[in-house]
Amino acid sequence: MEIERLGENKIRCALSEEEIREMGYNIDEIIGNTEVTQEFMRAVVELVEEQGNISMQNISCLLYTSPSP
């Protein structure tokens, strides 16, 4: 997972499709606004806080997808 701070209240977190699968999800499951999407986002927030030493309090989460190169 690649984490980049873009501003005081904004970060970019990039996960590969393989990393998503390793978390127990697939792309089709996490696209949209479902309970699975929310569960995935909570898991990513926890990983960001652990790996990036970044507090996610008061930071909104948006999910963007893009194909890997």
N, C-alpha and C. Protein backbone atom coordinates (compact mmCIF):
# COMPACT_ATOMS: atom_id res chain seq x y z
N MET A 1 0.85 -1.17 0.00
CA MET A 1 0.00 0.00 0.00
C MET A 1 0.90 1.23 0.00
N GLU A 2 0.57 2.16 -0.84
CA GLU A 2 1.31 3.42 -0.94
C GLU A 2 0.45 4.52 -0.32
N ILE A 3 1.03 5.23 0.65
CA ILE A 3 0.31 6.30 1.33
C ILE A 3 1.05 7.61 1.10
N GLU A 4 0.33 8.64 0.69
CA GLU A 4 0.94 9.95 0.44
C GLU A 4 0.06 11.03 1.05
N ARG A 5 0.64 11.88 1.88
CA ARG A 5 -0.11 13.00 2.45
C ARG A 5 -0.14 14.12 1.41
N LEU A 6 -1.35 14.56 1.07
CA LEU A 6 -1.52 15.60 0.06
C LEU A 6 -1.83 16.96 0.68
N GLY A 7 -2.19 16.97 1.93
CA GLY A 7 -2.52 18.20 2.64
C GLY A 7 -2.85 17.86 4.08
N GLU A 8 -3.25 18.86 4.83
CA GLU A 8 -3.54 18.64 6.24
C GLU A 8 -4.64 17.61 6.45
N ASN A 9 -5.67 17.66 5.62
CA ASN A 9 -6.81 16.76 5.78
C ASN A 9 -7.04 15.87 4.57
N LYS A 10 -5.96 15.59 3.82
CA LYS A 10 -6.12 14.80 2.61
C LYS A 10 -4.91 13.90 2.41
N ILE A 11 -5.20 12.61 2.15
CA ILE A 11 -4.13 11.66 1.82
C ILE A 11 -4.55 10.89 0.57
N ARG A 12 -3.55 10.29 -0.06
CA ARG A 12 -3.83 9.38 -1.17
C ARG A 12 -3.28 8.03 -0.75
N CYS A 13 -4.11 7.03 -0.89
CA CYS A 13 -3.74 5.67 -0.52
C CYS A 13 -3.98 4.80 -1.75
N ALA A 14 -2.92 4.19 -2.24
CA ALA A 14 -3.04 3.35 -3.44
C ALA A 14 -2.79 1.89 -3.07
N LEU A 15 -3.74 1.05 -3.43
CA LEU A 15 -3.62 -0.39 -3.21
C LEU A 15 -3.70 -1.09 -4.55
N SER A 16 -2.89 -2.10 -4.71
CA SER A 16 -2.96 -2.89 -5.93
C SER A 16 -4.16 -3.84 -5.83
N GLU A 17 -4.56 -4.36 -6.97
CA GLU A 17 -5.64 -5.34 -6.97
C GLU A 17 -5.25 -6.57 -6.14
N GLU A 18 -3.98 -6.93 -6.19
CA GLU A 18 -3.50 -8.07 -5.39
C GLU A 18 -3.64 -7.77 -3.89
N GLU A 19 -3.30 -6.56 -3.46
CA GLU A 19 -3.44 -6.21 -2.05
C GLU A 19 -4.90 -6.24 -1.61
N ILE A 20 -5.77 -5.80 -2.50
CA ILE A 20 -7.20 -5.82 -2.20
C ILE A 20 -7.66 -7.26 -2.03
N ARG A 21 -7.22 -8.14 -2.92
CA ARG A 21 -7.57 -9.56 -2.81
C ARG A 21 -7.02 -10.17 -1.52
N GLU A 22 -5.79 -9.78 -1.14
CA GLU A 22 -5.19 -10.29 0.09
C GLU A 22 -5.99 -9.86 1.33
N MET A 23 -6.71 -8.75 1.22
CA MET A 23 -7.55 -8.27 2.32
C MET A 23 -8.88 -9.03 2.35
N GLY A 24 -9.12 -9.85 1.32
CA GLY A 24 -10.34 -10.65 1.28
C GLY A 24 -11.47 -10.04 0.46
N TYR A 25 -11.14 -9.08 -0.39
CA TYR A 25 -12.15 -8.41 -1.23
C TYR A 25 -11.77 -8.54 -2.69
N ASN A 26 -12.70 -8.20 -3.57
CA ASN A 26 -12.37 -8.06 -4.98
C ASN A 26 -12.94 -6.73 -5.46
N ILE A 27 -12.46 -6.26 -6.58
CA ILE A 27 -12.82 -4.94 -7.09
C ILE A 27 -14.33 -4.79 -7.24
N ASP A 28 -14.98 -5.80 -7.79
CA ASP A 28 -16.42 -5.71 -8.02
C ASP A 28 -17.20 -5.53 -6.73
N GLU A 29 -16.71 -6.11 -5.63
CA GLU A 29 -17.40 -5.99 -4.34
C GLU A 29 -17.31 -4.60 -3.74
N ILE A 30 -16.19 -3.93 -3.96
CA ILE A 30 -15.98 -2.66 -3.25
C ILE A 30 -16.41 -1.43 -4.03
N ILE A 31 -16.77 -1.61 -5.29
CA ILE A 31 -17.26 -0.48 -6.08
C ILE A 31 -18.73 -0.31 -5.78
N GLY A 32 -19.10 0.90 -5.49
CA GLY A 32 -20.49 1.19 -5.16
C GLY A 32 -20.60 1.67 -3.73
N ASN A 33 -21.81 1.74 -3.24
CA ASN A 33 -22.05 2.19 -1.88
C ASN A 33 -22.81 1.11 -1.14
N THR A 34 -22.09 0.04 -0.81
CA THR A 34 -22.71 -1.08 -0.13
C THR A 34 -22.06 -1.26 1.24
N GLU A 35 -22.60 -2.14 2.03
CA GLU A 35 -22.01 -2.43 3.34
C GLU A 35 -20.59 -2.99 3.17
N VAL A 36 -20.37 -3.78 2.11
CA VAL A 36 -19.03 -4.33 1.86
C VAL A 36 -18.06 -3.19 1.56
N THR A 37 -18.50 -2.19 0.81
CA THR A 37 -17.66 -1.03 0.51
C THR A 37 -17.28 -0.32 1.79
N GLN A 38 -18.26 -0.10 2.67
CA GLN A 38 -18.00 0.57 3.94
C GLN A 38 -17.04 -0.25 4.80
N GLU A 39 -17.22 -1.55 4.83
CA GLU A 39 -16.33 -2.44 5.58
C GLU A 39 -14.90 -2.35 5.05
N PHE A 40 -14.76 -2.36 3.72
CA PHE A 40 -13.45 -2.24 3.09
C PHE A 40 -12.80 -0.92 3.46
N MET A 41 -13.55 0.17 3.39
CA MET A 41 -13.00 1.49 3.71
C MET A 41 -12.55 1.55 5.17
N ARG A 42 -13.32 0.97 6.08
CA ARG A 42 -12.90 0.95 7.49
C ARG A 42 -11.59 0.18 7.64
N ALA A 43 -11.45 -0.92 6.92
CA ALA A 43 -10.21 -1.71 6.97
C ALA A 43 -9.03 -0.91 6.44
N VAL A 44 -9.24 -0.16 5.36
CA VAL A 44 -8.17 0.66 4.78
C VAL A 44 -7.79 1.77 5.75
N VAL A 45 -8.78 2.41 6.38
CA VAL A 45 -8.50 3.46 7.35
C VAL A 45 -7.63 2.92 8.49
N GLU A 46 -7.96 1.74 8.97
CA GLU A 46 -7.16 1.13 10.04
C GLU A 46 -5.72 0.88 9.57
N LEU A 47 -5.56 0.39 8.35
CA LEU A 47 -4.22 0.14 7.81
C LEU A 47 -3.43 1.43 7.66
N VAL A 48 -4.09 2.49 7.19
CA VAL A 48 -3.43 3.78 7.02
C VAL A 48 -2.96 4.30 8.37
N GLU A 49 -3.82 4.19 9.37
CA GLU A 49 -3.44 4.66 10.70
C GLU A 49 -2.26 3.87 11.25
N GLU A 50 -2.24 2.57 11.02
CA GLU A 50 -1.15 1.73 11.50
C GLU A 50 0.14 1.92 10.71
N GLN A 51 0.05 1.84 9.39
CA GLN A 51 1.25 1.86 8.55
C GLN A 51 1.76 3.27 8.29
N GLY A 52 0.86 4.22 8.19
CA GLY A 52 1.27 5.58 7.85
C GLY A 52 1.41 6.48 9.04
N ASN A 53 1.08 5.95 10.23
CA ASN A 53 1.13 6.76 11.45
C ASN A 53 0.37 8.08 11.24
N ILE A 54 -0.82 7.96 10.66
CA ILE A 54 -1.66 9.12 10.35
C ILE A 54 -3.00 8.93 11.03
N SER A 55 -3.44 9.94 11.77
CA SER A 55 -4.77 9.89 12.38
C SER A 55 -5.80 10.22 11.31
N MET A 56 -6.79 9.36 11.16
CA MET A 56 -7.83 9.58 10.16
C MET A 56 -9.04 10.30 10.74
N GLN A 57 -8.94 10.77 11.97
CA GLN A 57 -10.04 11.51 12.58
C GLN A 57 -10.23 12.81 11.80
N ASN A 58 -11.48 13.13 11.48
CA ASN A 58 -11.85 14.35 10.74
C ASN A 58 -11.38 14.35 9.30
N ILE A 59 -11.07 13.19 8.74
CA ILE A 59 -10.69 13.10 7.33
C ILE A 59 -11.76 12.28 6.62
N SER A 60 -12.30 12.83 5.54
CA SER A 60 -13.30 12.12 4.75
C SER A 60 -12.62 11.15 3.80
N CYS A 61 -13.28 10.04 3.53
CA CYS A 61 -12.72 9.02 2.64
C CYS A 61 -13.53 8.98 1.34
N LEU A 62 -12.80 8.97 0.24
CA LEU A 62 -13.40 8.78 -1.07
C LEU A 62 -12.67 7.63 -1.73
N LEU A 63 -13.40 6.86 -2.52
CA LEU A 63 -12.81 5.71 -3.20
C LEU A 63 -12.76 5.99 -4.70
N TYR A 64 -11.54 5.94 -5.25
CA TYR A 64 -11.34 6.08 -6.69
C TYR A 64 -10.68 4.80 -7.17
N THR A 65 -11.02 4.39 -8.34
CA THR A 65 -10.36 3.23 -8.92
C THR A 65 -9.67 3.63 -10.20
N SER A 66 -8.55 3.00 -10.45
CA SER A 66 -7.86 3.20 -11.72
C SER A 66 -7.10 1.94 -12.04
N PRO A 67 -6.97 1.63 -13.30
CA PRO A 67 -6.25 0.41 -13.68
C PRO A 67 -4.77 0.55 -13.32
N SER A 68 -4.18 -0.57 -12.97
CA SER A 68 -2.75 -0.54 -12.68
C SER A 68 -1.97 -0.56 -13.98
N PRO A 69 -0.81 0.07 -13.96
CA PRO A 69 -0.02 0.14 -15.20
C PRO A 69 0.51 -1.19 -15.63
